[in-house]
Protein backbone atom coordinates (compact mmCIF):
# COMPACT_ATOMS: atom_id res chain seq x y z
CA MET A 1 29.60 -21.03 23.84
CA ILE A 2 32.31 -18.82 25.35
CA GLN A 3 32.85 -17.15 21.98
CA LYS A 4 29.11 -16.42 21.70
CA LEU A 5 29.05 -14.83 25.18
CA MET A 6 32.05 -12.70 24.32
CA ILE A 7 30.39 -11.45 21.13
CA PHE A 8 27.19 -10.63 22.99
CA ALA A 9 29.14 -8.81 25.70
CA CYS A 10 30.90 -6.78 23.04
CA ILE A 11 27.56 -5.70 21.59
CA LEU A 12 26.38 -4.58 25.03
CA ILE A 13 29.55 -2.56 25.54
CA ILE A 14 29.25 -0.99 22.10
CA LEU A 15 25.66 0.05 22.62
CA SER A 16 26.37 1.47 26.08
CA THR A 17 29.65 3.26 25.44
CA GLY A 18 29.65 4.16 21.76
CA CYS A 19 33.17 2.72 21.28
CA LYS A 20 34.55 1.85 17.87
CA VAL A 21 32.62 -1.03 16.33
CA PRO A 22 33.49 -3.96 14.12
CA ALA A 23 32.25 -3.84 10.53
CA GLN A 24 29.50 -6.33 11.33
CA ILE A 25 28.36 -8.33 14.35
CA VAL A 26 25.55 -10.85 14.26
CA ASP A 27 24.31 -12.68 17.35
CA ASN A 28 21.45 -15.05 18.05
CA ASP A 29 20.17 -12.68 20.76
CA ILE A 30 19.55 -9.98 18.18
CA PRO A 31 16.21 -10.53 16.40
CA SER A 32 16.24 -12.06 12.95
CA PRO A 33 16.43 -9.69 9.95
CA ASP A 34 12.71 -10.24 9.26
CA VAL A 35 11.77 -9.29 12.81
CA LEU A 36 14.13 -6.29 12.87
CA ARG A 37 12.62 -5.06 9.62
CA GLY A 38 8.98 -5.88 10.37
CA SER A 39 8.58 -4.90 14.02
CA ASN A 40 8.64 -1.65 15.94
CA GLY A 41 11.53 -2.74 18.14
CA PRO A 42 13.32 -0.85 20.91
CA GLN A 43 15.69 0.92 18.48
CA ARG A 44 12.66 2.27 16.58
CA SER A 45 9.78 2.78 18.99
CA TRP A 46 11.33 5.62 21.01
CA TRP A 47 11.61 8.07 18.09
CA ASP A 48 9.02 9.35 15.61
CA VAL A 49 9.93 10.52 12.12
CA LEU A 50 8.70 14.04 11.39
CA HIS A 51 10.29 14.76 8.02
CA TYR A 52 12.62 13.24 5.42
CA SER A 53 14.89 15.21 3.10
CA LEU A 54 16.53 13.16 0.35
CA ASP A 55 19.35 14.56 -1.75
CA ILE A 56 20.31 11.89 -4.28
CA THR A 57 22.61 11.73 -7.29
CA PRO A 58 22.08 8.75 -9.60
CA ASP A 59 25.01 7.56 -11.74
CA ILE A 60 23.19 5.79 -14.56
CA ALA A 61 26.32 4.57 -16.33
CA ASN A 62 27.47 2.71 -13.21
CA LYS A 63 23.95 1.91 -11.89
CA SER A 64 24.85 3.52 -8.59
CA LEU A 65 23.54 6.11 -6.16
CA SER A 66 25.09 8.52 -3.71
CA GLY A 67 23.54 11.07 -1.46
CA GLU A 68 22.49 12.25 1.92
CA VAL A 69 19.27 11.90 3.87
CA LYS A 70 18.14 14.14 6.70
CA ILE A 71 15.69 12.68 9.21
CA ARG A 72 13.96 15.12 11.51
CA PHE A 73 12.54 13.24 14.47
CA LYS A 74 10.92 13.63 17.87
CA ALA A 75 11.85 11.54 20.93
CA LEU A 76 8.72 9.83 22.27
CA LYS A 77 10.73 8.17 25.03
CA GLU A 78 14.30 8.50 26.21
CA GLY A 79 16.64 6.69 23.87
CA SER A 80 20.08 6.67 22.37
CA THR A 81 20.23 3.92 19.71
CA PHE A 82 18.58 4.37 16.31
CA GLN A 83 17.79 1.54 13.92
CA ILE A 84 18.56 2.69 10.38
CA ASP A 85 17.65 0.44 7.46
CA LEU A 86 19.71 0.38 4.27
CA GLN A 87 19.94 -2.69 2.08
CA SER A 88 23.25 -4.07 0.86
CA PRO A 89 25.13 -3.53 -1.40
CA LEU A 90 24.42 0.11 -0.52
CA VAL A 91 26.63 1.34 2.32
CA LEU A 92 25.82 3.74 5.14
CA ASN A 93 28.94 5.90 5.25
CA SER A 94 28.22 8.24 8.14
CA VAL A 95 25.55 9.42 10.56
CA SER A 96 25.79 12.66 12.47
CA LEU A 97 23.70 14.60 14.97
CA ASN A 98 24.39 18.31 15.43
CA ALA A 99 27.61 17.99 13.38
CA ARG A 100 28.87 15.18 15.67
CA LYS A 101 29.44 11.81 14.04
CA LEU A 102 27.72 8.85 15.68
CA GLU A 103 28.98 5.30 16.01
CA ILE A 104 27.57 2.81 13.50
CA LEU A 105 27.12 -0.93 14.06
CA LYS A 106 26.12 -3.03 11.08
CA VAL A 107 23.84 -5.68 12.54
CA ASN A 108 23.08 -7.52 9.30
CA ALA A 109 23.15 -6.90 5.55
CA ASN A 110 20.19 -4.51 5.75
CA THR A 111 20.22 -3.04 9.26
CA TYR A 112 22.41 -0.65 11.25
CA PHE A 113 22.28 0.40 14.90
CA VAL A 114 23.47 3.98 15.34
CA LYS A 115 24.51 5.02 18.86
CA ASN A 116 24.37 8.50 20.37
CA LEU A 117 26.70 9.09 23.35
CA ASN A 118 23.98 10.53 25.56
CA SER A 119 20.35 9.57 25.92
CA ILE A 120 18.01 11.92 24.05
CA LYS A 121 15.30 13.35 26.30
CA VAL A 122 11.57 12.90 25.79
CA GLY A 123 10.06 15.63 23.62
CA THR A 124 13.36 16.58 21.97
CA THR A 125 13.17 17.37 18.26
CA ASP A 126 16.40 16.97 16.32
CA GLU A 127 17.80 15.90 12.96
CA LEU A 128 20.05 13.05 11.82
CA LEU A 129 22.23 13.50 8.74
CA LEU A 130 23.07 10.27 6.91
CA THR A 131 25.38 9.84 3.93
CA TYR A 132 25.42 6.72 1.78
CA SER A 133 26.56 5.36 -1.57
CA GLY A 134 26.83 2.23 -3.66
CA THR A 135 24.91 0.09 -6.12
CA PRO A 136 21.31 -0.53 -5.09
CA ILE A 137 19.50 -3.80 -5.69
CA ILE A 138 18.36 -3.96 -9.30
CA ALA A 139 14.66 -4.68 -9.70
CA LYS A 140 14.22 -8.17 -11.13
CA LEU A 141 10.48 -8.09 -11.78
CA PRO A 142 9.09 -4.75 -10.67
CA PRO A 143 6.78 -3.97 -9.02
CA TRP A 144 6.57 -7.46 -7.48
CA ASP A 145 10.32 -8.02 -7.04
CA GLY A 146 11.45 -4.44 -6.83
CA GLY A 147 14.39 -2.14 -6.47
CA VAL A 148 15.84 0.34 -8.94
CA GLN A 149 15.08 -0.29 -12.60
CA TRP A 150 17.84 0.89 -14.93
CA THR A 151 16.51 0.40 -18.43
CA THR A 152 16.08 2.15 -21.77
CA ASP A 153 13.07 3.28 -23.76
CA SER A 154 12.29 2.07 -27.28
CA LEU A 155 14.76 4.59 -28.70
CA GLY A 156 17.58 3.23 -26.53
CA ARG A 157 17.64 6.22 -24.19
CA ASP A 158 18.12 5.93 -20.44
CA TRP A 159 14.96 5.36 -18.42
CA VAL A 160 15.08 4.88 -14.66
CA GLY A 161 12.38 4.05 -12.13
CA VAL A 162 11.91 2.78 -8.60
CA ALA A 163 9.37 0.27 -7.28
CA CYS A 164 10.06 -0.90 -3.74
CA GLN A 165 6.87 -1.94 -1.93
CA GLY A 166 7.64 -5.20 -0.15
CA LYS A 167 11.38 -4.76 -0.61
CA GLY A 168 11.12 -1.45 1.23
CA ALA A 169 12.39 2.07 0.68
CA SER A 170 15.72 1.07 2.22
CA VAL A 171 16.48 -0.69 -1.06
CA TRP A 172 17.54 2.74 -2.40
CA TRP A 173 17.83 5.19 0.55
CA PRO A 174 18.48 4.93 4.30
CA CYS A 175 15.43 5.38 6.51
CA LYS A 176 13.27 3.99 9.29
CA ASP A 177 11.79 1.38 7.01
CA ILE A 178 8.54 0.43 8.72
CA GLN A 179 5.02 1.04 7.48
CA SER A 180 3.71 2.34 10.80
CA ASP A 181 5.90 5.49 10.90
CA GLU A 182 5.31 8.00 8.14
CA PRO A 183 6.95 11.44 8.20
CA ASP A 184 4.18 13.57 9.74
CA GLU A 185 5.45 16.72 8.02
CA GLY A 186 6.11 15.21 4.61
CA ALA A 187 9.32 15.08 2.61
CA ASP A 188 11.61 17.02 0.31
CA ILE A 189 13.23 15.09 -2.54
CA TYR A 190 16.21 16.51 -4.44
CA ILE A 191 17.37 14.58 -7.51
CA ASN A 192 20.59 15.64 -9.23
CA ALA A 193 20.31 14.29 -12.76
CA ARG A 194 21.85 14.70 -16.19
CA PRO A 195 20.38 17.86 -17.74
CA ASP A 196 18.92 15.98 -20.73
CA LEU A 197 16.65 13.95 -18.41
CA THR A 198 13.49 14.92 -16.58
CA ALA A 199 13.38 13.81 -12.93
CA VAL A 200 9.92 13.22 -11.47
CA SER A 201 9.18 12.47 -7.82
CA ASN A 202 6.32 13.01 -5.37
CA GLY A 203 4.44 16.17 -4.46
CA LYS A 204 4.88 19.54 -6.13
CA LEU A 205 7.79 20.68 -8.24
CA ILE A 206 9.51 23.54 -6.39
CA SER A 207 12.45 24.15 -8.72
CA ALA A 208 14.67 22.66 -11.43
CA VAL A 209 18.02 24.47 -11.76
CA GLN A 210 21.40 23.80 -13.33
CA ARG A 211 24.10 23.10 -10.76
CA ASN A 212 27.61 21.66 -11.19
CA GLY A 213 26.83 20.23 -14.62
CA LEU A 214 23.64 18.53 -13.40
CA LYS A 215 20.02 19.59 -13.18
CA ARG A 216 18.79 19.69 -9.59
CA TRP A 217 15.10 18.87 -9.24
CA HIS A 218 13.36 19.74 -5.98
CA TRP A 219 10.04 18.02 -5.25
CA GLN A 220 8.14 18.70 -2.03
CA VAL A 221 5.51 16.56 -0.30
CA ALA A 222 3.33 18.44 2.19
CA ASN A 223 1.48 15.40 3.57
CA PRO A 224 2.54 12.27 5.45
CA ILE A 225 3.75 9.64 2.99
CA ASN A 226 4.62 5.93 3.08
CA ASN A 227 8.35 5.40 2.65
CA TYR A 228 7.75 2.92 -0.17
CA CYS A 229 5.71 5.55 -2.03
CA ILE A 230 8.67 7.94 -2.33
CA THR A 231 10.04 7.42 -5.81
CA MET A 232 12.40 8.58 -8.53
CA ASN A 233 11.69 8.60 -12.27
CA LEU A 234 14.20 9.68 -14.90
CA GLY A 235 13.36 9.79 -18.58
CA TYR A 236 12.64 11.80 -21.68
CA TYR A 237 9.20 12.95 -20.57
CA THR A 238 6.75 15.40 -22.06
CA PRO A 239 4.50 16.72 -19.28
CA SER A 240 0.95 17.99 -19.67
CA THR A 241 -1.14 19.67 -16.96
CA ILE A 242 -4.89 20.12 -16.79
CA VAL A 243 -7.05 21.53 -14.00
CA TYR A 244 -9.66 19.39 -12.26
CA HIS A 245 -12.38 21.19 -10.31
CA GLY A 246 -13.00 18.73 -7.50
CA LYS A 247 -14.82 18.44 -4.21
CA ASN A 248 -12.06 20.30 -2.34
CA GLY A 249 -11.30 22.91 -4.98
CA ILE A 250 -8.78 23.07 -7.81
CA LEU A 251 -6.57 20.02 -8.29
CA PRO A 252 -3.76 20.14 -10.87
CA ILE A 253 -3.36 16.90 -12.83
CA THR A 254 0.03 16.46 -14.50
CA VAL A 255 0.82 13.52 -16.75
CA TYR A 256 4.43 12.64 -17.64
CA LEU A 257 4.58 10.42 -20.73
CA LEU A 258 7.63 9.61 -22.82
CA ASP A 259 7.92 12.22 -25.55
CA TYR A 260 6.96 9.80 -28.34
CA HIS A 261 3.76 8.80 -26.48
CA LYS A 262 2.25 12.28 -26.20
CA SER A 263 -0.55 11.29 -28.61
CA HIS A 264 -2.00 9.20 -25.74
CA MET A 265 -2.13 12.19 -23.41
CA GLU A 266 -5.79 13.17 -23.90
CA LYS A 267 -7.04 9.60 -23.38
CA VAL A 268 -5.03 9.24 -20.18
CA GLU A 269 -6.22 12.59 -18.86
CA ASN A 270 -9.85 11.65 -19.57
CA GLU A 271 -9.44 8.34 -17.71
CA ILE A 272 -7.93 10.13 -14.71
CA THR A 273 -10.74 12.68 -14.65
CA SER A 274 -13.39 9.93 -14.80
CA MET A 275 -11.67 8.08 -11.96
CA LEU A 276 -11.53 11.18 -9.78
CA GLN A 277 -15.17 12.05 -10.44
CA CYS A 278 -16.29 8.55 -9.45
CA PHE A 279 -14.18 8.16 -6.32
CA GLU A 280 -14.79 11.69 -5.09
CA GLU A 281 -18.53 11.15 -5.46
CA LYS A 282 -18.72 7.61 -4.06
CA VAL A 283 -15.86 7.45 -1.55
CA TYR A 284 -14.28 10.75 -0.43
CA PRO A 285 -12.50 13.79 -1.90
CA TYR A 286 -9.01 13.08 -3.24
CA PRO A 287 -6.79 12.97 -0.11
CA PHE A 288 -3.77 14.95 -1.36
CA TYR A 289 -4.94 18.23 -2.90
CA GLU A 290 -1.89 20.06 -1.46
CA ASP A 291 0.46 17.75 -3.38
CA GLY A 292 -1.55 17.54 -6.60
CA TYR A 293 -2.07 14.44 -8.75
CA LYS A 294 0.56 13.13 -11.15
CA LEU A 295 0.86 10.06 -13.33
CA THR A 296 4.26 9.08 -14.72
CA GLU A 297 4.94 6.50 -17.41
CA THR A 298 7.24 3.69 -16.25
CA ALA A 299 8.82 0.62 -17.79
CA PHE A 300 7.16 -1.54 -15.10
CA LEU A 301 3.41 -2.12 -14.83
CA GLY A 302 2.48 0.32 -12.07
CA MET A 303 2.63 1.38 -8.44
CA GLU A 304 0.67 3.60 -6.06
CA HIS A 305 3.41 6.17 -5.50
CA GLN A 306 1.58 8.89 -3.58
CA SER A 307 0.75 11.92 -5.75
CA ASN A 308 2.84 10.34 -8.56
CA ILE A 309 1.15 7.18 -9.83
CA ALA A 310 3.49 4.88 -11.79
CA TYR A 311 1.87 3.83 -15.07
CA GLY A 312 3.04 1.07 -17.41
CA ASN A 313 -0.18 -0.39 -18.81
CA LYS A 314 0.88 0.53 -22.36
CA PHE A 315 -2.35 2.50 -22.93
CA LEU A 316 -4.29 -0.76 -23.22
CA PRO A 317 -7.78 -1.47 -21.87
CA GLY A 318 -8.10 -3.56 -18.73
CA TYR A 319 -4.96 -5.16 -17.35
CA LEU A 320 -2.50 -5.08 -20.26
CA GLY A 321 -5.41 -5.78 -22.60
CA THR A 322 -7.08 -8.47 -20.48
CA ASP A 323 -9.86 -8.48 -17.91
CA ARG A 324 -8.88 -10.04 -14.59
CA SER A 325 -12.52 -10.78 -13.83
CA GLY A 326 -12.93 -12.77 -17.04
CA THR A 327 -16.28 -11.08 -17.66
CA GLY A 328 -15.34 -8.47 -20.22
CA VAL A 329 -16.68 -5.54 -18.22
CA GLY A 330 -13.16 -4.76 -17.00
CA LEU A 331 -12.07 -3.94 -20.55
CA ALA A 332 -14.02 -0.68 -20.49
CA TRP A 333 -11.35 1.12 -18.45
CA ASP A 334 -7.61 1.25 -17.78
CA PHE A 335 -6.86 -1.05 -14.85
CA ILE A 336 -3.62 0.60 -13.73
CA ILE A 337 -5.03 4.14 -13.68
CA VAL A 338 -8.04 3.03 -11.64
CA HIS A 339 -6.36 0.57 -9.27
CA GLU A 340 -3.13 2.40 -8.50
CA SER A 341 -4.95 5.73 -8.14
CA GLY A 342 -7.42 4.02 -5.79
CA HIS A 343 -4.55 3.47 -3.40
CA GLU A 344 -4.47 7.21 -2.77
CA TRP A 345 -7.51 6.57 -0.58
CA PHE A 346 -6.63 3.09 0.73
CA GLY A 347 -2.93 2.57 1.35
CA ASN A 348 -1.67 6.13 1.10
CA SER A 349 -4.23 8.10 3.13
CA ILE A 350 -5.44 5.14 5.23
CA THR A 351 -2.36 3.02 5.95
CA ALA A 352 -2.11 -0.34 7.71
CA SER A 353 0.33 -0.35 10.62
CA ASP A 354 1.66 -3.82 9.82
CA ILE A 355 2.19 -5.24 6.35
CA THR A 356 0.27 -8.38 7.31
CA GLU A 357 -2.87 -6.23 7.44
CA ASN A 358 -2.43 -4.96 3.90
CA TRP A 359 -5.85 -6.35 3.02
CA ILE A 360 -6.89 -2.84 4.06
CA HIS A 361 -4.84 -1.47 1.16
CA GLU A 362 -5.52 -4.10 -1.46
CA GLY A 363 -9.02 -5.34 -0.58
CA PHE A 364 -10.58 -1.88 -0.50
CA THR A 365 -8.62 -0.68 -3.54
CA THR A 366 -9.61 -3.77 -5.53
CA TYR A 367 -13.21 -3.06 -4.55
CA LEU A 368 -12.79 0.44 -5.95
CA GLU A 369 -12.48 -1.31 -9.33
CA THR A 370 -16.01 -2.62 -8.77
CA ILE A 371 -17.19 0.83 -7.74
CA PHE A 372 -15.63 2.37 -10.86
CA THR A 373 -17.28 -0.28 -13.04
CA GLU A 374 -20.55 0.61 -11.36
CA CYS A 375 -19.96 4.32 -12.04
CA GLN A 376 -19.33 3.64 -15.72
CA GLN A 377 -21.63 0.71 -16.52
CA GLY A 378 -24.16 0.35 -13.72
CA ILE A 379 -24.69 -1.80 -10.62
CA ALA A 380 -25.24 -5.06 -12.53
CA ALA A 381 -21.87 -4.71 -14.29
CA GLY A 382 -20.15 -3.98 -10.99
CA GLN A 383 -21.64 -7.11 -9.44
CA GLU A 384 -20.62 -9.17 -12.46
CA TYR A 385 -17.07 -7.85 -12.12
CA VAL A 386 -16.61 -8.68 -8.42
CA GLN A 387 -18.19 -12.11 -8.84
CA GLY A 388 -15.87 -12.82 -11.78
CA GLN A 389 -12.81 -12.01 -9.67
CA ARG A 390 -13.65 -14.90 -7.32
CA LYS A 391 -12.17 -17.36 -9.81
CA ILE A 392 -8.76 -15.86 -8.95
CA ILE A 393 -9.08 -16.49 -5.19
CA ASN A 394 -6.82 -19.30 -3.91
CA ASN A 395 -8.03 -19.61 -0.29
CA ASP A 396 -4.51 -20.75 0.54
CA ALA A 397 -4.01 -18.74 3.74
CA PRO A 398 -5.85 -16.25 5.98
CA LEU A 399 -5.78 -12.67 4.75
CA ILE A 400 -4.09 -11.69 8.03
CA GLY A 401 -0.97 -13.68 8.85
CA GLU A 402 1.91 -13.28 11.29
CA TYR A 403 2.67 -9.86 12.72
CA GLY A 404 6.06 -8.18 12.97
CA ILE A 405 7.91 -10.01 10.17
CA ASN A 406 7.31 -7.70 7.19
CA LYS A 407 5.34 -10.26 5.19
CA GLU A 408 1.97 -10.18 3.50
CA SER A 409 -0.03 -13.33 4.02
CA THR A 410 -1.42 -14.17 0.57
CA SER A 411 -2.30 -12.65 -2.78
CA ASP A 412 -5.95 -13.17 -1.78
CA ILE A 413 -5.77 -9.82 0.02
CA TYR A 414 -6.79 -8.37 -3.37
CA ASP A 415 -9.77 -10.32 -4.68
CA LYS A 416 -10.94 -12.09 -1.53
CA GLY A 417 -10.57 -8.82 0.36
CA SER A 418 -12.71 -7.15 -2.30
CA SER A 419 -15.37 -9.88 -2.12
CA LEU A 420 -15.43 -9.56 1.68
CA ILE A 421 -16.24 -5.87 1.34
CA HIS A 422 -18.89 -6.66 -1.28
CA THR A 423 -20.42 -9.27 1.05
CA ILE A 424 -20.56 -6.69 3.85
CA ARG A 425 -22.25 -4.30 1.43
CA MET A 426 -24.86 -7.00 0.79
CA ILE A 427 -25.35 -7.56 4.53
CA ILE A 428 -25.83 -3.81 5.07
CA SER A 429 -28.40 -3.94 2.24
CA ASP A 430 -28.48 -0.16 1.97
CA ASP A 431 -26.18 1.39 -0.63
CA GLU A 432 -26.72 4.89 0.67
CA LYS A 433 -25.46 3.78 4.09
CA PHE A 434 -22.63 1.76 2.55
CA TYR A 435 -21.24 4.74 0.63
CA ALA A 436 -21.79 7.03 3.61
CA MET A 437 -19.75 4.53 5.64
CA LEU A 438 -16.86 4.68 3.13
CA HIS A 439 -16.97 8.47 3.28
CA ALA A 440 -17.01 8.49 7.10
CA MET A 441 -14.14 5.96 7.20
CA ASN A 442 -11.98 8.13 4.96
CA GLN A 443 -12.82 11.17 7.04
CA THR A 444 -12.15 9.45 10.38
CA PHE A 445 -8.87 7.83 9.29
CA TYR A 446 -7.70 10.60 6.96
CA HIS A 447 -3.86 10.41 6.75
CA LYS A 448 -3.86 7.90 9.63
CA ILE A 449 -2.08 4.65 10.48
CA VAL A 450 -4.66 2.01 11.39
CA THR A 451 -5.00 -1.61 12.44
CA SER A 452 -7.43 -4.12 11.00
CA LEU A 453 -9.39 -3.99 14.24
CA ASP A 454 -9.71 -0.20 13.85
CA ILE A 455 -11.41 -0.76 10.48
CA GLU A 456 -13.48 -3.73 11.65
CA HIS A 457 -14.79 -1.95 14.74
CA PHE A 458 -15.50 1.22 12.76
CA ILE A 459 -17.62 -0.63 10.17
CA SER A 460 -19.57 -2.52 12.84
CA ALA A 461 -20.17 0.66 14.87
CA TYR A 462 -21.17 2.76 11.86
CA THR A 463 -23.59 0.20 10.45
CA GLY A 464 -24.95 -0.87 13.83
CA LEU A 465 -24.22 -4.50 12.88
CA ASP A 466 -21.96 -6.87 14.80
CA LEU A 467 -19.78 -8.08 11.94
CA SER A 468 -17.05 -9.60 14.13
CA LEU A 469 -17.89 -13.19 13.11
CA ILE A 470 -17.81 -12.19 9.44
CA PHE A 471 -14.39 -10.54 9.78
CA ASP A 472 -12.97 -13.45 11.76
CA GLN A 473 -14.14 -15.93 9.14
CA TYR A 474 -12.90 -14.13 6.04
CA LEU A 475 -9.78 -12.44 7.46
CA ARG A 476 -8.42 -14.98 9.92
CA SER A 477 -9.38 -18.27 8.28
CA PRO A 478 -8.66 -19.51 4.75
CA LEU A 479 -11.97 -21.39 4.67
CA ILE A 480 -14.89 -20.27 2.50
CA PRO A 481 -18.19 -21.22 4.18
CA ARG A 482 -20.28 -23.85 2.39
CA LEU A 483 -24.02 -23.29 2.52
CA PHE A 484 -25.80 -26.64 2.49
CA TYR A 485 -29.49 -26.53 1.62
CA SER A 486 -32.29 -28.95 0.76
CA LEU A 487 -35.76 -28.10 -0.50
CA THR A 488 -39.26 -29.43 -0.12
CA ASN A 489 -42.43 -27.85 -1.48
CA GLU A 490 -42.81 -25.40 1.39
CA THR A 491 -39.63 -25.57 3.49
CA MET A 492 -35.87 -25.44 3.16
CA GLN A 493 -33.22 -26.83 5.50
CA VAL A 494 -29.99 -24.81 5.70
CA HIS A 495 -26.69 -24.76 7.56
CA PHE A 496 -23.03 -23.75 7.10
CA GLU A 497 -20.01 -26.05 7.04
CA ASN A 498 -16.30 -25.49 6.33
CA CYS A 499 -16.23 -22.47 8.64
CA ASN A 500 -15.57 -21.37 12.21
CA ALA A 501 -17.73 -23.21 14.75
CA ASN A 502 -19.61 -20.08 15.81
CA PHE A 503 -19.99 -18.61 12.31
CA ARG A 504 -23.33 -17.19 11.29
CA MET A 505 -24.30 -14.79 8.51
CA PRO A 506 -27.45 -13.43 6.89
CA VAL A 507 -27.87 -14.53 3.27
CA ASP A 508 -30.53 -13.56 0.74
CA TYR A 509 -32.48 -15.77 -1.63
CA TYR A 510 -34.99 -14.90 -4.33
CA ASN A 511 -38.34 -16.55 -4.83
CA SER A 512 -40.00 -17.21 -8.17
CA GLU A 513 -41.65 -13.79 -8.06
CA GLY A 514 -38.25 -12.06 -7.86
CA LYS A 515 -38.66 -11.04 -4.24
CA LYS A 516 -35.49 -10.98 -2.11
CA ILE A 517 -35.79 -12.74 1.26
CA ARG A 518 -33.18 -12.73 4.04
CA VAL A 519 -32.27 -15.80 6.08
CA GLU A 520 -29.92 -15.91 9.11
CA ILE A 521 -27.83 -19.07 8.75
CA SER A 522 -25.46 -20.72 11.26
CA THR A 523 -23.65 -24.04 11.57
CA SER A 524 -26.77 -25.58 13.13
CA THR A 525 -29.34 -27.03 10.74
CA GLN A 526 -32.56 -25.08 10.70
CA THR A 527 -35.81 -25.43 8.80
CA ILE A 528 -37.14 -22.34 7.05
CA ILE A 529 -40.68 -21.89 5.81
CA LEU A 530 -40.40 -20.61 2.27
CA LYS A 531 -42.12 -17.42 1.20
CA GLY A 532 -43.16 -18.44 -2.27
CA SER A 533 -41.26 -20.90 -4.46
CA PHE A 534 -37.48 -20.81 -4.03
CA ASP A 535 -35.65 -19.66 -7.15
CA HIS A 536 -31.96 -18.96 -6.37
CA TRP A 537 -29.51 -17.68 -3.78
CA ASP A 538 -28.11 -14.17 -4.20
CA PRO A 539 -24.69 -14.73 -5.87
CA ASN A 540 -23.20 -11.58 -4.35
CA PHE A 541 -22.32 -13.27 -1.04
CA LEU A 542 -18.90 -14.92 -0.81
CA LEU A 543 -19.73 -18.57 -0.11
CA LYS A 544 -20.07 -21.92 -1.85
CA LEU A 545 -23.48 -23.49 -2.40
CA VAL A 546 -24.12 -27.20 -1.92
CA LYS A 547 -27.59 -28.51 -2.74
CA LYS A 548 -28.44 -31.74 -0.98
């Protein structure tokens, strides 16, 4: 007990005086690594990131990185201690402010507290300079278990990529690794690579020049960007650029495929153009015209790297040649191009503040697959697709879980999230209003950090429908409502079970003449006078039917 108090006292002295620190101090009074990483704690909340500048040199032979990162920030409150995230075995070597080195305390394997001698005043804008080096975590199963992927192409040549959502950007560069703070003024990425390799990152290519035996690639992002979207690709690429005339003007589309895959270029470009035409028409103009649109071939399946979509679907239809919906309609298009590009709207432009609310990213983006199917094959095919995806839903946990611990709740954020949005579309029962709502949402929350409640309240307000009970049921409970019904010649008794006590929802049925009729159903049994002979319930609502 005495030893614990002494350690805690030492931490307090270190943070208040900036004296020399031990290599690492861990104490029970410091939040757990999950909480430090997932929450906007006191060492994070007082400063706002304005801009990142990464200058990185990969050493492929040794699977290592070295470099420096500049973080321009603004003080929102007075503060002196920065939380900097960098995952072991990478090492934060130094941090300086105005050429003065700051004291570094390693709190755990992935987190550092950096102490300035004097408190920084509210409104101050300044810049940290961080240097680091070491061997980053190697991706085991990217993009799901990510990190840096050091691999080779089919000709045995070096091929490097990064996929770090979930793991976090701090798996390969030091940063403020929290989803709720994007650099408001974008980022500059410098990659110093062997001259035989092409280095591709986010945004626009500013320059590529020989320097000290390496080729220095400068990529610039004009817009706010999620940390986990910043990426690095190295390979033997052949680029091709076409011009897309979109809703907001001219958008350059550049595709980077391995040189021996250039025969696939036209097909990929056509898929991208079809995707953009559909989403710009149905949802909103592409959100990053200033940064362009790129797609880069990777050894892993794919990722939504902003303005540089990672593509590894092997030029196959659907999802590596299969249809996740099991219906066959998903084989008419390339899943990775459509899904990962869809994140430009939901995830990259509209970003959830906490990872536990990532249903906003994945639910809406998965529903964009339905919208694209509808664009290509009609409404009936889109409905077939989203209904088919329901076989994948596990209902193992609520879509929204615990806040502040950097953890998504369940994989159901994809397909159940999509079916929730489809159910809301059915409740609205006006496709013109539904698509106008998506457009207004993307306009209102353009390049914004949002909460689930922001989205929920917006949809209810825009549609004029109180959907709070619907959101509570499908987001905050794992239960799928069961609709019990029994029929007589002229009446039907209905009620919900397996749901929240106050749950109620309108549901449509069809009579034998094909007419659609709406019924408001709650957990209380009610008798409904049928309008014509009952034929079937509308299968587009996310629920389970039980005939008594």
